[in-house]
Amino acid sequence: MTTPNATVRKVKRDLAVRRTGRFGVLLSPIVVYLFLWLPILVLVVFSFNDGNSVSTWRGFTTRWYENIFAGTISAGTEAARFQTELLLKAVRNSLFVAAVATLVSTAFGTMLALALARGRFWGRRTLDTLFYLPVVIPDITQGIALAVFFNIIFETVQRLFGVRLVSGFGTIVIAHVAFNISYVAIVVRARLAGMDPRLEEAGRDLGANHWQTFWRITFPILLPGVMAGALLAFTLSLDDFVITFFNAGVGTTTLPLFVYGMLKQRVPPEINAISTLMILASIVLVGGSLLLQQRGNRSEGA
């Protein structure tokens, strides 16, 4: 038989467990966000550190950003000027690759999304499953697979036509397009899922053919999703390291590869400033992508 004291102790224990659970529910998101963002926050803070050390705080300064924009790194030696030239070239390479890959992947990703959402053809279910693979498989697996694929293609072309092909901008762009198509298709398809098909039916009932219906009704409604997918693709291409590392050639060093090469030699203070600028650009692009999707959803709801 349970005594009153035992019942009171059980109630107090249950209340303590509930309070602990509520505290854990509130604390766990904070711990997760600290785990994710604290290293990035430390990097951003030390990008304003007035000292050559990237681990010891010496005071506030903006000179590392000034060095980057002025075209110098760590006070003007020949090696520093040479590294600055390489840095600017790497930035241009990254922007070129990201721009071309974004244009191609946005076009193909939009067509793929339309085909999967509107088309009725043999193998549609299989394609619907396969196009998620670049999103879920590890980057290193995709990078190695693409490198092996390009190697087979290069050997085949050389054996058949005697033309020697090497890795370069072409292989990097194709590799970036290969994984960006799926991201664009996912974003555009989500936009298509919220689109009222009766709008297209009304256009055809009023005499518009399929081409006119697409350009005057479907595409304007899809445009926020297409732009959001393009911004996401540009961000992923600009930041990619692993896949680019396996498919880059001589003279095609992108900014992530350049930063990795700098870390192997030395850790200049400008590295934190460069990384901060890359993080800022990624946040702006992803934020723009989300904003476009939200505006598109609001306009569709209206």
C-alpha atoms as a PDB file:
ATOM      1  CA  MET A   1       0.000   0.000   0.000  1.00  0.00           C
ATOM      2  CA  THR A   2       1.416   3.400  -1.013  1.00  0.00           C
ATOM      3  CA  THR A   3       2.010   5.826   1.824  1.00  0.00           C
ATOM      4  CA  PRO A   4       1.224   9.555   1.525  1.00  0.00           C
ATOM      5  CA  ASN A   5       4.942  10.404   1.743  1.00  0.00           C
ATOM      6  CA  ALA A   6       5.761   8.071  -1.133  1.00  0.00           C
ATOM      7  CA  THR A   7       3.004   9.623  -3.243  1.00  0.00           C
ATOM      8  CA  VAL A   8       4.312  13.130  -2.534  1.00  0.00           C
ATOM      9  CA  ARG A   9       7.856  12.065  -3.469  1.00  0.00           C
ATOM     10  CA  LYS A  10       6.578  10.508  -6.712  1.00  0.00           C
ATOM     11  CA  VAL A  11       4.667  13.660  -7.629  1.00  0.00           C
ATOM     12  CA  LYS A  12       7.716  15.833  -6.913  1.00  0.00           C
ATOM     13  CA  ARG A  13       9.884  13.507  -9.004  1.00  0.00           C
ATOM     14  CA  ASP A  14       7.419  13.645 -11.910  1.00  0.00           C
ATOM     15  CA  LEU A  15       7.264  17.441 -11.713  1.00  0.00           C
ATOM     16  CA  ALA A  16      11.073  17.618 -11.684  1.00  0.00           C
ATOM     17  CA  VAL A  17      11.240  15.390 -14.759  1.00  0.00           C
ATOM     18  CA  ARG A  18       8.696  17.571 -16.553  1.00  0.00           C
ATOM     19  CA  ARG A  19      10.582  20.751 -15.676  1.00  0.00           C
ATOM     20  CA  THR A  20      13.818  19.166 -16.870  1.00  0.00           C
ATOM     21  CA  GLY A  21      12.143  18.096 -20.111  1.00  0.00           C
ATOM     22  CA  ARG A  22      10.787  21.582 -20.758  1.00  0.00           C
ATOM     23  CA  PHE A  23      14.193  23.064 -20.052  1.00  0.00           C
ATOM     24  CA  GLY A  24      15.779  20.560 -22.433  1.00  0.00           C
ATOM     25  CA  VAL A  25      13.266  21.393 -25.167  1.00  0.00           C
ATOM     26  CA  LEU A  26      14.153  25.072 -24.829  1.00  0.00           C
ATOM     27  CA  LEU A  27      17.896  24.468 -24.510  1.00  0.00           C
ATOM     28  CA  SER A  28      18.450  21.939 -27.312  1.00  0.00           C
ATOM     29  CA  PRO A  29      17.776  24.365 -30.225  1.00  0.00           C
ATOM     30  CA  ILE A  30      20.131  26.890 -28.621  1.00  0.00           C
ATOM     31  CA  VAL A  31      22.875  24.269 -28.306  1.00  0.00           C
ATOM     32  CA  VAL A  32      22.367  23.139 -31.909  1.00  0.00           C
ATOM     33  CA  TYR A  33      22.519  26.689 -33.266  1.00  0.00           C
ATOM     34  CA  LEU A  34      25.626  27.441 -31.185  1.00  0.00           C
ATOM     35  CA  PHE A  35      27.257  24.281 -32.523  1.00  0.00           C
ATOM     36  CA  LEU A  36      26.483  25.340 -36.096  1.00  0.00           C
ATOM     37  CA  TRP A  37      27.122  29.088 -35.916  1.00  0.00           C
ATOM     38  CA  LEU A  38      29.741  29.602 -33.185  1.00  0.00           C
ATOM     39  CA  PRO A  39      32.728  28.625 -35.417  1.00  0.00           C
ATOM     40  CA  ILE A  40      31.412  30.937 -38.138  1.00  0.00           C
ATOM     41  CA  LEU A  41      30.915  33.743 -35.610  1.00  0.00           C
ATOM     42  CA  VAL A  42      34.480  33.303 -34.339  1.00  0.00           C
ATOM     43  CA  LEU A  43      35.784  33.446 -37.920  1.00  0.00           C
ATOM     44  CA  VAL A  44      33.867  36.670 -38.601  1.00  0.00           C
ATOM     45  CA  VAL A  45      35.099  38.273 -35.365  1.00  0.00           C
ATOM     46  CA  PHE A  46      38.738  37.391 -36.060  1.00  0.00           C
ATOM     47  CA  SER A  47      38.476  38.831 -39.566  1.00  0.00           C
ATOM     48  CA  PHE A  48      38.625  42.202 -37.744  1.00  0.00           C
ATOM     49  CA  ASN A  49      41.577  41.181 -35.549  1.00  0.00           C
ATOM     50  CA  ASP A  50      44.479  43.677 -35.586  1.00  0.00           C
ATOM     51  CA  GLY A  51      47.254  41.126 -35.681  1.00  0.00           C
ATOM     52  CA  ASN A  52      48.844  38.552 -37.951  1.00  0.00           C
ATOM     53  CA  SER A  53      47.719  35.738 -35.677  1.00  0.00           C
ATOM     54  CA  VAL A  54      44.396  34.179 -36.515  1.00  0.00           C
ATOM     55  CA  SER A  55      43.967  32.872 -32.980  1.00  0.00           C
ATOM     56  CA  THR A  56      44.998  35.747 -30.665  1.00  0.00           C
ATOM     57  CA  TRP A  57      42.919  38.916 -30.427  1.00  0.00           C
ATOM     58  CA  ARG A  58      45.023  42.090 -30.782  1.00  0.00           C
ATOM     59  CA  GLY A  59      42.348  44.723 -31.290  1.00  0.00           C
ATOM     60  CA  PHE A  60      39.878  45.872 -33.923  1.00  0.00           C
ATOM     61  CA  THR A  61      40.879  46.684 -37.505  1.00  0.00           C
ATOM     62  CA  THR A  62      39.483  46.598 -41.028  1.00  0.00           C
ATOM     63  CA  ARG A  63      42.842  46.546 -42.802  1.00  0.00           C
ATOM     64  CA  TRP A  64      42.555  42.927 -43.932  1.00  0.00           C
ATOM     65  CA  TYR A  65      39.462  43.871 -45.929  1.00  0.00           C
ATOM     66  CA  GLU A  66      41.276  46.984 -47.176  1.00  0.00           C
ATOM     67  CA  ASN A  67      44.193  44.792 -48.304  1.00  0.00           C
ATOM     68  CA  ILE A  68      41.858  42.539 -50.264  1.00  0.00           C
ATOM     69  CA  PHE A  69      40.060  45.381 -52.024  1.00  0.00           C
ATOM     70  CA  ALA A  70      43.328  47.262 -52.596  1.00  0.00           C
ATOM     71  CA  GLY A  71      44.953  44.190 -54.172  1.00  0.00           C
ATOM     72  CA  THR A  72      47.598  43.444 -51.535  1.00  0.00           C
ATOM     73  CA  ILE A  73      48.000  40.792 -48.876  1.00  0.00           C
ATOM     74  CA  SER A  74      50.069  41.229 -45.723  1.00  0.00           C
ATOM     75  CA  ALA A  75      52.013  44.335 -46.662  1.00  0.00           C
ATOM     76  CA  GLY A  76      53.497  44.347 -50.040  1.00  0.00           C
ATOM     77  CA  THR A  77      56.182  41.744 -50.654  1.00  0.00           C
ATOM     78  CA  GLU A  78      56.578  40.185 -54.086  1.00  0.00           C
ATOM     79  CA  ALA A  79      55.067  36.952 -52.784  1.00  0.00           C
ATOM     80  CA  ALA A  80      52.115  38.871 -51.344  1.00  0.00           C
ATOM     81  CA  ARG A  81      51.445  40.711 -54.596  1.00  0.00           C
ATOM     82  CA  PHE A  82      51.721  37.417 -56.478  1.00  0.00           C
ATOM     83  CA  GLN A  83      49.205  35.795 -54.139  1.00  0.00           C
ATOM     84  CA  THR A  84      46.859  38.744 -54.580  1.00  0.00           C
ATOM     85  CA  GLU A  85      46.950  38.319 -58.341  1.00  0.00           C
ATOM     86  CA  LEU A  86      46.121  34.635 -57.896  1.00  0.00           C
ATOM     87  CA  LEU A  87      43.321  35.531 -55.491  1.00  0.00           C
ATOM     88  CA  LEU A  88      41.666  37.917 -57.934  1.00  0.00           C
ATOM     89  CA  LYS A  89      42.038  35.360 -60.723  1.00  0.00           C
ATOM     90  CA  ALA A  90      40.436  32.709 -58.502  1.00  0.00           C
ATOM     91  CA  VAL A  91      37.507  35.049 -57.790  1.00  0.00           C
ATOM     92  CA  ARG A  92      37.027  35.640 -61.527  1.00  0.00           C
ATOM     93  CA  ASN A  93      37.195  31.899 -62.170  1.00  0.00           C
ATOM     94  CA  SER A  94      34.576  31.201 -59.489  1.00  0.00           C
ATOM     95  CA  LEU A  95      32.219  33.874 -60.823  1.00  0.00           C
ATOM     96  CA  PHE A  96      32.620  32.623 -64.404  1.00  0.00           C
ATOM     97  CA  VAL A  97      31.990  28.976 -63.483  1.00  0.00           C
ATOM     98  CA  ALA A  98      29.055  29.866 -61.223  1.00  0.00           C
ATOM     99  CA  ALA A  99      27.443  32.110 -63.851  1.00  0.00           C
ATOM    100  CA  VAL A 100      27.683  29.573 -66.699  1.00  0.00           C
ATOM    101  CA  ALA A 101      26.662  26.626 -64.508  1.00  0.00           C
ATOM    102  CA  THR A 102      23.710  28.619 -63.156  1.00  0.00           C
ATOM    103  CA  LEU A 103      22.413  29.538 -66.616  1.00  0.00           C
ATOM    104  CA  VAL A 104      22.657  25.976 -67.927  1.00  0.00           C
ATOM    105  CA  SER A 105      21.352  24.235 -64.797  1.00  0.00           C
ATOM    106  CA  THR A 106      18.452  26.702 -64.460  1.00  0.00           C
ATOM    107  CA  ALA A 107      17.333  26.042 -68.040  1.00  0.00           C
ATOM    108  CA  PHE A 108      17.619  22.248 -67.764  1.00  0.00           C
ATOM    109  CA  GLY A 109      16.286  22.143 -64.192  1.00  0.00           C
ATOM    110  CA  THR A 110      13.184  24.112 -65.186  1.00  0.00           C
ATOM    111  CA  MET A 111      12.559  21.833 -68.158  1.00  0.00           C
ATOM    112  CA  LEU A 112      13.026  18.761 -65.955  1.00  0.00           C
ATOM    113  CA  ALA A 113      10.579  20.094 -63.362  1.00  0.00           C
ATOM    114  CA  LEU A 114       7.979  20.795 -66.054  1.00  0.00           C
ATOM    115  CA  ALA A 115       8.458  17.362 -67.599  1.00  0.00           C
ATOM    116  CA  LEU A 116       8.052  15.574 -64.259  1.00  0.00           C
ATOM    117  CA  ALA A 117       5.069  17.686 -63.164  1.00  0.00           C
ATOM    118  CA  ARG A 118       3.182  17.898 -66.454  1.00  0.00           C
ATOM    119  CA  GLY A 119       4.532  15.105 -68.631  1.00  0.00           C
ATOM    120  CA  ARG A 120       3.219  11.582 -69.022  1.00  0.00           C
ATOM    121  CA  PHE A 121       5.925   9.359 -70.512  1.00  0.00           C
ATOM    122  CA  TRP A 122       7.579   5.971 -70.055  1.00  0.00           C
ATOM    123  CA  GLY A 123      10.194   5.970 -67.298  1.00  0.00           C
ATOM    124  CA  ARG A 124       8.803   9.052 -65.560  1.00  0.00           C
ATOM    125  CA  ARG A 125       8.696   7.369 -62.140  1.00  0.00           C
ATOM    126  CA  THR A 126      12.281   6.178 -62.500  1.00  0.00           C
ATOM    127  CA  LEU A 127      13.468   9.637 -63.532  1.00  0.00           C
ATOM    128  CA  ASP A 128      11.456  11.147 -60.680  1.00  0.00           C
ATOM    129  CA  THR A 129      13.471   9.005 -58.262  1.00  0.00           C
ATOM    130  CA  LEU A 130      16.873   9.392 -59.907  1.00  0.00           C
ATOM    131  CA  PHE A 131      16.893  13.183 -60.037  1.00  0.00           C
ATOM    132  CA  TYR A 132      17.153  13.300 -56.233  1.00  0.00           C
ATOM    133  CA  LEU A 133      20.438  11.365 -56.257  1.00  0.00           C
ATOM    134  CA  PRO A 134      22.771  14.396 -56.628  1.00  0.00           C
ATOM    135  CA  VAL A 135      21.118  15.880 -53.540  1.00  0.00           C
ATOM    136  CA  VAL A 136      21.524  12.854 -51.279  1.00  0.00           C
ATOM    137  CA  ILE A 137      24.807  11.235 -52.348  1.00  0.00           C
ATOM    138  CA  PRO A 138      28.042  12.529 -50.743  1.00  0.00           C
ATOM    139  CA  ASP A 139      29.966  15.198 -52.643  1.00  0.00           C
ATOM    140  CA  ILE A 140      33.152  13.130 -52.635  1.00  0.00           C
ATOM    141  CA  THR A 141      31.308  10.211 -54.274  1.00  0.00           C
ATOM    142  CA  GLN A 142      29.907  12.474 -56.966  1.00  0.00           C
ATOM    143  CA  GLY A 143      33.266  14.177 -57.481  1.00  0.00           C
ATOM    144  CA  ILE A 144      35.114  10.884 -57.952  1.00  0.00           C
ATOM    145  CA  ALA A 145      32.361   9.498 -60.216  1.00  0.00           C
ATOM    146  CA  LEU A 146      32.507  12.564 -62.455  1.00  0.00           C
ATOM    147  CA  ALA A 147      36.313  12.443 -62.559  1.00  0.00           C
ATOM    148  CA  VAL A 148      36.218   8.793 -63.646  1.00  0.00           C
ATOM    149  CA  PHE A 149      33.530   9.611 -66.226  1.00  0.00           C
ATOM    150  CA  PHE A 150      35.573  12.441 -67.737  1.00  0.00           C
ATOM    151  CA  ASN A 151      38.665  10.246 -67.799  1.00  0.00           C
ATOM    152  CA  ILE A 152      36.791   7.567 -69.756  1.00  0.00           C
ATOM    153  CA  ILE A 153      35.437  10.167 -72.199  1.00  0.00           C
ATOM    154  CA  PHE A 154      38.892  11.720 -72.699  1.00  0.00           C
ATOM    155  CA  GLU A 155      40.505   8.339 -73.370  1.00  0.00           C
ATOM    156  CA  THR A 156      37.740   7.366 -75.807  1.00  0.00           C
ATOM    157  CA  VAL A 157      38.029  10.640 -77.751  1.00  0.00           C
ATOM    158  CA  GLN A 158      41.806  10.360 -77.919  1.00  0.00           C
ATOM    159  CA  ARG A 159      41.620   6.758 -79.111  1.00  0.00           C
ATOM    160  CA  LEU A 160      38.989   7.447 -81.789  1.00  0.00           C
ATOM    161  CA  PHE A 161      39.978  10.911 -83.012  1.00  0.00           C
ATOM    162  CA  GLY A 162      43.520  11.449 -81.734  1.00  0.00           C
ATOM    163  CA  VAL A 163      42.450  14.582 -79.830  1.00  0.00           C
ATOM    164  CA  ARG A 164      43.822  14.951 -76.315  1.00  0.00           C
ATOM    165  CA  LEU A 165      41.359  16.514 -73.891  1.00  0.00           C
ATOM    166  CA  VAL A 166      42.202  17.683 -70.366  1.00  0.00           C
ATOM    167  CA  SER A 167      40.241  18.863 -67.362  1.00  0.00           C
ATOM    168  CA  GLY A 168      39.479  22.566 -67.219  1.00  0.00           C
ATOM    169  CA  PHE A 169      36.610  25.004 -67.076  1.00  0.00           C
ATOM    170  CA  GLY A 170      34.478  22.703 -69.201  1.00  0.00           C
ATOM    171  CA  THR A 171      34.695  19.789 -66.784  1.00  0.00           C
ATOM    172  CA  ILE A 172      34.063  22.041 -63.768  1.00  0.00           C
ATOM    173  CA  VAL A 173      30.996  23.615 -65.386  1.00  0.00           C
ATOM    174  CA  ILE A 174      29.584  20.216 -66.420  1.00  0.00           C
ATOM    175  CA  ALA A 175      30.190  18.877 -62.904  1.00  0.00           C
ATOM    176  CA  HIS A 176      28.436  21.862 -61.326  1.00  0.00           C
ATOM    177  CA  VAL A 177      25.528  21.578 -63.756  1.00  0.00           C
ATOM    178  CA  ALA A 178      25.216  17.872 -62.909  1.00  0.00           C
ATOM    179  CA  PHE A 179      24.396  18.540 -59.250  1.00  0.00           C
ATOM    180  CA  ASN A 180      22.701  21.938 -59.643  1.00  0.00           C
ATOM    181  CA  ILE A 181      19.995  20.659 -62.025  1.00  0.00           C
ATOM    182  CA  SER A 182      18.376  18.688 -59.206  1.00  0.00           C
ATOM    183  CA  TYR A 183      18.325  21.660 -56.816  1.00  0.00           C
ATOM    184  CA  VAL A 184      16.754  23.922 -59.443  1.00  0.00           C
ATOM    185  CA  ALA A 185      14.213  21.245 -60.382  1.00  0.00           C
ATOM    186  CA  ILE A 186      13.203  20.758 -56.737  1.00  0.00           C
ATOM    187  CA  VAL A 187      12.592  24.488 -56.224  1.00  0.00           C
ATOM    188  CA  VAL A 188      10.723  24.947 -59.519  1.00  0.00           C
ATOM    189  CA  ARG A 189       8.671  21.811 -58.960  1.00  0.00           C
ATOM    190  CA  ALA A 190       7.622  23.070 -55.545  1.00  0.00           C
ATOM    191  CA  ARG A 191       6.399  26.234 -57.270  1.00  0.00           C
ATOM    192  CA  LEU A 192       4.541  24.140 -59.839  1.00  0.00           C
ATOM    193  CA  ALA A 193       2.843  22.158 -57.078  1.00  0.00           C
ATOM    194  CA  GLY A 194       1.261  25.356 -55.747  1.00  0.00           C
ATOM    195  CA  MET A 195       0.149  26.542 -59.173  1.00  0.00           C
ATOM    196  CA  ASP A 196      -3.522  26.321 -60.077  1.00  0.00           C
ATOM    197  CA  PRO A 197      -3.757  24.226 -63.304  1.00  0.00           C
ATOM    198  CA  ARG A 198      -7.076  25.892 -64.113  1.00  0.00           C
ATOM    199  CA  LEU A 199      -5.174  29.015 -65.149  1.00  0.00           C
ATOM    200  CA  GLU A 200      -3.495  27.102 -67.972  1.00  0.00           C
ATOM    201  CA  GLU A 201      -6.765  25.435 -68.896  1.00  0.00           C
ATOM    202  CA  ALA A 202      -8.456  28.837 -69.095  1.00  0.00           C
ATOM    203  CA  GLY A 203      -5.719  30.114 -71.405  1.00  0.00           C
ATOM    204  CA  ARG A 204      -6.172  27.173 -73.760  1.00  0.00           C
ATOM    205  CA  ASP A 205      -9.957  27.559 -73.652  1.00  0.00           C
ATOM    206  CA  LEU A 206      -9.509  31.163 -74.793  1.00  0.00           C
ATOM    207  CA  GLY A 207      -7.599  30.063 -77.881  1.00  0.00           C
ATOM    208  CA  ALA A 208      -3.939  30.076 -76.774  1.00  0.00           C
ATOM    209  CA  ASN A 209      -1.751  27.207 -77.965  1.00  0.00           C
ATOM    210  CA  HIS A 210       0.685  25.386 -75.660  1.00  0.00           C
ATOM    211  CA  TRP A 211       3.562  27.750 -76.457  1.00  0.00           C
ATOM    212  CA  GLN A 212       1.503  30.886 -75.821  1.00  0.00           C
ATOM    213  CA  THR A 213       0.070  29.392 -72.632  1.00  0.00           C
ATOM    214  CA  PHE A 214       3.547  28.664 -71.337  1.00  0.00           C
ATOM    215  CA  TRP A 215       5.038  32.114 -72.004  1.00  0.00           C
ATOM    216  CA  ARG A 216       1.988  34.174 -70.991  1.00  0.00           C
ATOM    217  CA  ILE A 217       0.669  32.158 -68.046  1.00  0.00           C
ATOM    218  CA  THR A 218       2.955  29.362 -66.830  1.00  0.00           C
ATOM    219  CA  PHE A 219       6.350  31.052 -67.027  1.00  0.00           C
ATOM    220  CA  PRO A 220       5.365  34.359 -65.333  1.00  0.00           C
ATOM    221  CA  ILE A 221       3.912  32.374 -62.424  1.00  0.00           C
ATOM    222  CA  LEU A 222       6.991  30.129 -62.284  1.00  0.00           C
ATOM    223  CA  LEU A 223       9.463  33.015 -62.552  1.00  0.00           C
ATOM    224  CA  PRO A 224       9.925  33.535 -58.767  1.00  0.00           C
ATOM    225  CA  GLY A 225      10.684  29.824 -58.394  1.00  0.00           C
ATOM    226  CA  VAL A 226      13.036  29.857 -61.381  1.00  0.00           C
ATOM    227  CA  MET A 227      14.918  32.864 -59.984  1.00  0.00           C
ATOM    228  CA  ALA A 228      15.058  31.266 -56.538  1.00  0.00           C
ATOM    229  CA  GLY A 229      16.470  28.073 -58.035  1.00  0.00           C
ATOM    230  CA  ALA A 230      19.018  30.097 -60.021  1.00  0.00           C
ATOM    231  CA  LEU A 231      20.202  31.946 -56.892  1.00  0.00           C
ATOM    232  CA  LEU A 232      20.487  28.661 -55.021  1.00  0.00           C
ATOM    233  CA  ALA A 233      22.456  27.100 -57.896  1.00  0.00           C
ATOM    234  CA  PHE A 234      24.777  30.119 -58.052  1.00  0.00           C
ATOM    235  CA  THR A 235      25.426  29.875 -54.307  1.00  0.00           C
ATOM    236  CA  LEU A 236      26.154  26.140 -54.406  1.00  0.00           C
ATOM    237  CA  SER A 237      28.438  26.541 -57.410  1.00  0.00           C
ATOM    238  CA  LEU A 238      30.301  29.471 -55.877  1.00  0.00           C
ATOM    239  CA  ASP A 239      30.938  27.599 -52.617  1.00  0.00           C
ATOM    240  CA  ASP A 240      31.659  24.132 -53.981  1.00  0.00           C
ATOM    241  CA  PHE A 241      35.058  22.651 -53.154  1.00  0.00           C
ATOM    242  CA  VAL A 242      34.952  18.838 -53.180  1.00  0.00           C
ATOM    243  CA  ILE A 243      33.480  18.260 -56.654  1.00  0.00           C
ATOM    244  CA  THR A 244      35.563  21.101 -58.112  1.00  0.00           C
ATOM    245  CA  PHE A 245      38.727  19.672 -56.548  1.00  0.00           C
ATOM    246  CA  PHE A 246      38.339  16.374 -58.418  1.00  0.00           C
ATOM    247  CA  ASN A 247      37.454  17.959 -61.779  1.00  0.00           C
ATOM    248  CA  ALA A 248      39.628  21.093 -61.977  1.00  0.00           C
ATOM    249  CA  GLY A 249      42.612  21.427 -64.269  1.00  0.00           C
ATOM    250  CA  VAL A 250      45.688  23.613 -64.550  1.00  0.00           C
ATOM    251  CA  GLY A 251      44.825  27.312 -64.437  1.00  0.00           C
ATOM    252  CA  THR A 252      41.225  26.723 -63.335  1.00  0.00           C
ATOM    253  CA  THR A 253      41.612  27.346 -59.611  1.00  0.00           C
ATOM    254  CA  THR A 254      38.395  28.640 -58.072  1.00  0.00           C
ATOM    255  CA  LEU A 255      38.182  30.650 -54.857  1.00  0.00           C
ATOM    256  CA  PRO A 256      37.498  27.661 -52.537  1.00  0.00           C
ATOM    257  CA  LEU A 257      40.489  25.818 -54.060  1.00  0.00           C
ATOM    258  CA  PHE A 258      42.643  28.924 -53.665  1.00  0.00           C
ATOM    259  CA  VAL A 259      41.664  29.292 -49.994  1.00  0.00           C
ATOM    260  CA  TYR A 260      42.487  25.614 -49.426  1.00  0.00           C
ATOM    261  CA  GLY A 261      45.886  26.095 -51.051  1.00  0.00           C
ATOM    262  CA  MET A 262      46.606  29.106 -48.817  1.00  0.00           C
ATOM    263  CA  LEU A 263      45.741  27.083 -45.712  1.00  0.00           C
ATOM    264  CA  LYS A 264      48.244  24.389 -46.748  1.00  0.00           C
ATOM    265  CA  GLN A 265      51.100  26.930 -46.951  1.00  0.00           C
ATOM    266  CA  ARG A 266      50.295  29.469 -44.244  1.00  0.00           C
ATOM    267  CA  VAL A 267      47.270  31.052 -42.609  1.00  0.00           C
ATOM    268  CA  PRO A 268      47.314  34.775 -43.473  1.00  0.00           C
ATOM    269  CA  PRO A 269      44.866  37.035 -41.607  1.00  0.00           C
ATOM    270  CA  GLU A 270      43.185  37.874 -44.902  1.00  0.00           C
ATOM    271  CA  ILE A 271      41.867  34.312 -45.013  1.00  0.00           C
ATOM    272  CA  ASN A 272      39.265  35.179 -42.368  1.00  0.00           C
ATOM    273  CA  ALA A 273      38.204  38.256 -44.322  1.00  0.00           C
ATOM    274  CA  ILE A 274      37.894  36.252 -47.556  1.00  0.00           C
ATOM    275  CA  SER A 275      35.855  33.571 -45.786  1.00  0.00           C
ATOM    276  CA  THR A 276      33.598  36.197 -44.210  1.00  0.00           C
ATOM    277  CA  LEU A 277      32.913  37.752 -47.606  1.00  0.00           C
ATOM    278  CA  MET A 278      32.085  34.315 -49.025  1.00  0.00           C
ATOM    279  CA  ILE A 279      29.699  33.636 -46.128  1.00  0.00           C
ATOM    280  CA  LEU A 280      28.058  37.041 -46.616  1.00  0.00           C
ATOM    281  CA  ALA A 281      27.602  36.435 -50.342  1.00  0.00           C
ATOM    282  CA  SER A 282      26.086  32.999 -49.664  1.00  0.00           C
ATOM    283  CA  ILE A 283      23.670  34.393 -47.060  1.00  0.00           C
ATOM    284  CA  VAL A 284      22.565  37.173 -49.414  1.00  0.00           C
ATOM    285  CA  LEU A 285      21.994  34.770 -52.314  1.00  0.00           C
ATOM    286  CA  VAL A 286      20.160  32.139 -50.252  1.00  0.00           C
ATOM    287  CA  GLY A 287      18.138  34.860 -48.540  1.00  0.00           C
ATOM    288  CA  GLY A 288      17.194  36.273 -51.933  1.00  0.00           C
ATOM    289  CA  SER A 289      16.151  32.801 -53.054  1.00  0.00           C
ATOM    290  CA  LEU A 290      13.880  32.341 -50.027  1.00  0.00           C
ATOM    291  CA  LEU A 291      12.454  35.839 -50.434  1.00  0.00           C
ATOM    292  CA  LEU A 292      11.571  35.188 -54.062  1.00  0.00           C
ATOM    293  CA  GLN A 293       9.842  31.936 -53.125  1.00  0.00           C
ATOM    294  CA  GLN A 294       7.835  33.635 -50.373  1.00  0.00           C
ATOM    295  CA  ARG A 295       6.779  36.482 -52.649  1.00  0.00           C
ATOM    296  CA  GLY A 296       5.788  34.010 -55.321  1.00  0.00           C
ATOM    297  CA  ASN A 297       3.694  32.041 -52.817  1.00  0.00           C
ATOM    298  CA  ARG A 298       1.982  35.215 -51.576  1.00  0.00           C
ATOM    299  CA  SER A 299       1.171  36.372 -55.107  1.00  0.00           C
ATOM    300  CA  GLU A 300      -0.171  32.924 -55.967  1.00  0.00           C
ATOM    301  CA  GLY A 301      -2.328  32.953 -52.845  1.00  0.00           C
ATOM    302  CA  ALA A 302      -3.669  36.397 -53.714  1.00  0.00           C
END
